[in-house]
Amino acid sequence: MTKEECKQVVIDIINDIAPDEDTTDLKPDVRLRDQLDLDSMDFLDIVMELRKQHGIEVPEADYQQLASLDSCAEYLTPKFNEKKAV
């Protein structure tokens, strides 16, 4: 999976859990919570959907790695690729 595909996975999850949010012009290097009206429960929903839909575990200590689309891609792309390799 490429970093761009990984970003799209995160955007798709956000669209599912917060359908009223406009994700069309997200800046990849700006914190998602600064661009969208996401609260801590929405953020937990993103983490839970990653696990449910894709089998990706994100430990609580790593939550800050999911702050922006760029940081999500950096953190999640290797995890997705590990899943594929297994």
C-alpha atoms as a PDB file:
ATOM      1  CA  MET A   1       0.000   0.000   0.000  1.00  0.00           C
ATOM      2  CA  THR A   2       1.293   3.446  -0.885  1.00  0.00           C
ATOM      3  CA  LYS A   3       1.203   6.436   1.441  1.00  0.00           C
ATOM      4  CA  GLU A   4      -1.476   8.019  -0.758  1.00  0.00           C
ATOM      5  CA  GLU A   5      -3.638   4.892  -0.478  1.00  0.00           C
ATOM      6  CA  CYS A   6      -3.132   4.933   3.264  1.00  0.00           C
ATOM      7  CA  LYS A   7      -4.257   8.565   3.454  1.00  0.00           C
ATOM      8  CA  GLN A   8      -7.370   7.620   1.481  1.00  0.00           C
ATOM      9  CA  VAL A   9      -8.166   4.833   3.957  1.00  0.00           C
ATOM     10  CA  VAL A  10      -8.049   7.378   6.805  1.00  0.00           C
ATOM     11  CA  ILE A  11     -10.201   9.850   4.844  1.00  0.00           C
ATOM     12  CA  ASP A  12     -12.732   7.098   4.090  1.00  0.00           C
ATOM     13  CA  ILE A  13     -12.938   6.236   7.795  1.00  0.00           C
ATOM     14  CA  ILE A  14     -13.431   9.907   8.700  1.00  0.00           C
ATOM     15  CA  ASN A  15     -16.189  10.137   6.079  1.00  0.00           C
ATOM     16  CA  ASP A  16     -17.878   7.106   7.658  1.00  0.00           C
ATOM     17  CA  ILE A  17     -17.711   8.318  11.259  1.00  0.00           C
ATOM     18  CA  ALA A  18     -18.250  12.037  10.603  1.00  0.00           C
ATOM     19  CA  PRO A  19     -20.250  12.276   7.361  1.00  0.00           C
ATOM     20  CA  ASP A  20     -20.955  15.994   7.865  1.00  0.00           C
ATOM     21  CA  GLU A  21     -17.245  16.873   7.713  1.00  0.00           C
ATOM     22  CA  ASP A  22     -15.814  18.139   4.423  1.00  0.00           C
ATOM     23  CA  THR A  23     -12.675  16.127   3.722  1.00  0.00           C
ATOM     24  CA  THR A  24     -12.125  17.305   0.145  1.00  0.00           C
ATOM     25  CA  ASP A  25      -9.469  19.934   0.909  1.00  0.00           C
ATOM     26  CA  LEU A  26      -7.586  18.466   3.846  1.00  0.00           C
ATOM     27  CA  LYS A  27      -4.027  19.699   4.178  1.00  0.00           C
ATOM     28  CA  PRO A  28      -1.794  16.653   4.673  1.00  0.00           C
ATOM     29  CA  ASP A  29       0.616  18.353   7.074  1.00  0.00           C
ATOM     30  CA  VAL A  30      -1.945  20.033   9.376  1.00  0.00           C
ATOM     31  CA  ARG A  31      -3.439  18.276  12.387  1.00  0.00           C
ATOM     32  CA  LEU A  32      -6.772  16.680  11.541  1.00  0.00           C
ATOM     33  CA  ARG A  33      -8.335  18.038  14.722  1.00  0.00           C
ATOM     34  CA  ASP A  34      -7.356  21.564  13.639  1.00  0.00           C
ATOM     35  CA  GLN A  35      -9.057  21.090  10.258  1.00  0.00           C
ATOM     36  CA  LEU A  36     -12.123  19.105  11.252  1.00  0.00           C
ATOM     37  CA  ASP A  37     -14.553  19.201  14.124  1.00  0.00           C
ATOM     38  CA  LEU A  38     -13.327  15.914  15.593  1.00  0.00           C
ATOM     39  CA  ASP A  39     -13.472  15.230  19.297  1.00  0.00           C
ATOM     40  CA  SER A  40     -11.621  12.561  21.245  1.00  0.00           C
ATOM     41  CA  MET A  41     -14.438  10.043  20.698  1.00  0.00           C
ATOM     42  CA  ASP A  42     -14.237  10.564  16.933  1.00  0.00           C
ATOM     43  CA  PHE A  43     -10.512   9.976  17.132  1.00  0.00           C
ATOM     44  CA  LEU A  44     -11.066   6.745  19.062  1.00  0.00           C
ATOM     45  CA  ASP A  45     -13.586   5.726  16.405  1.00  0.00           C
ATOM     46  CA  ILE A  46     -10.876   6.166  13.758  1.00  0.00           C
ATOM     47  CA  VAL A  47      -8.549   3.904  15.744  1.00  0.00           C
ATOM     48  CA  MET A  48     -11.317   1.328  16.272  1.00  0.00           C
ATOM     49  CA  GLU A  49     -12.233   1.330  12.560  1.00  0.00           C
ATOM     50  CA  LEU A  50      -8.601   0.786  11.598  1.00  0.00           C
ATOM     51  CA  ARG A  51      -8.650  -2.303  13.786  1.00  0.00           C
ATOM     52  CA  LYS A  52     -12.098  -3.517  12.709  1.00  0.00           C
ATOM     53  CA  GLN A  53     -11.781  -2.898   8.962  1.00  0.00           C
ATOM     54  CA  HIS A  54      -8.074  -3.550   8.468  1.00  0.00           C
ATOM     55  CA  GLY A  55      -6.742  -5.422  11.501  1.00  0.00           C
ATOM     56  CA  ILE A  56      -4.361  -2.561  12.321  1.00  0.00           C
ATOM     57  CA  GLU A  57      -3.649  -2.124  16.036  1.00  0.00           C
ATOM     58  CA  VAL A  58      -2.635   1.345  17.237  1.00  0.00           C
ATOM     59  CA  PRO A  59      -1.425   1.372  20.854  1.00  0.00           C
ATOM     60  CA  GLU A  60      -2.549   4.352  22.910  1.00  0.00           C
ATOM     61  CA  ALA A  61       1.068   5.502  23.221  1.00  0.00           C
ATOM     62  CA  ASP A  62       1.148   5.933  19.418  1.00  0.00           C
ATOM     63  CA  TYR A  63      -2.059   7.951  19.021  1.00  0.00           C
ATOM     64  CA  GLN A  64      -0.080  11.168  18.449  1.00  0.00           C
ATOM     65  CA  GLN A  65       1.327   9.501  15.299  1.00  0.00           C
ATOM     66  CA  LEU A  66      -2.144   9.895  13.757  1.00  0.00           C
ATOM     67  CA  ALA A  67      -2.345  13.670  14.116  1.00  0.00           C
ATOM     68  CA  SER A  68      -2.200  14.603  10.404  1.00  0.00           C
ATOM     69  CA  LEU A  69      -2.704  12.753   7.143  1.00  0.00           C
ATOM     70  CA  ASP A  70       1.064  12.792   6.543  1.00  0.00           C
ATOM     71  CA  SER A  71       1.821  11.366   9.980  1.00  0.00           C
ATOM     72  CA  CYS A  72      -0.948   8.770   9.536  1.00  0.00           C
ATOM     73  CA  ALA A  73       0.647   7.673   6.266  1.00  0.00           C
ATOM     74  CA  GLU A  74       4.131   7.511   7.815  1.00  0.00           C
ATOM     75  CA  TYR A  75       2.885   5.430  10.733  1.00  0.00           C
ATOM     76  CA  LEU A  76       0.267   3.235   9.049  1.00  0.00           C
ATOM     77  CA  THR A  77       1.800   2.410   5.647  1.00  0.00           C
ATOM     78  CA  PRO A  78       4.392  -0.026   7.094  1.00  0.00           C
ATOM     79  CA  LYS A  79       1.658  -1.620   9.233  1.00  0.00           C
ATOM     80  CA  PHE A  80      -0.574  -2.155   6.178  1.00  0.00           C
ATOM     81  CA  ASN A  81       2.343  -3.577   4.224  1.00  0.00           C
ATOM     82  CA  GLU A  82       3.237  -5.952   7.085  1.00  0.00           C
ATOM     83  CA  LYS A  83      -0.368  -7.209   7.032  1.00  0.00           C
ATOM     84  CA  LYS A  84      -0.161  -7.889   3.293  1.00  0.00           C
ATOM     85  CA  ALA A  85       3.122  -9.761   3.677  1.00  0.00           C
ATOM     86  CA  VAL A  86       1.698 -12.153   6.275  1.00  0.00           C
END
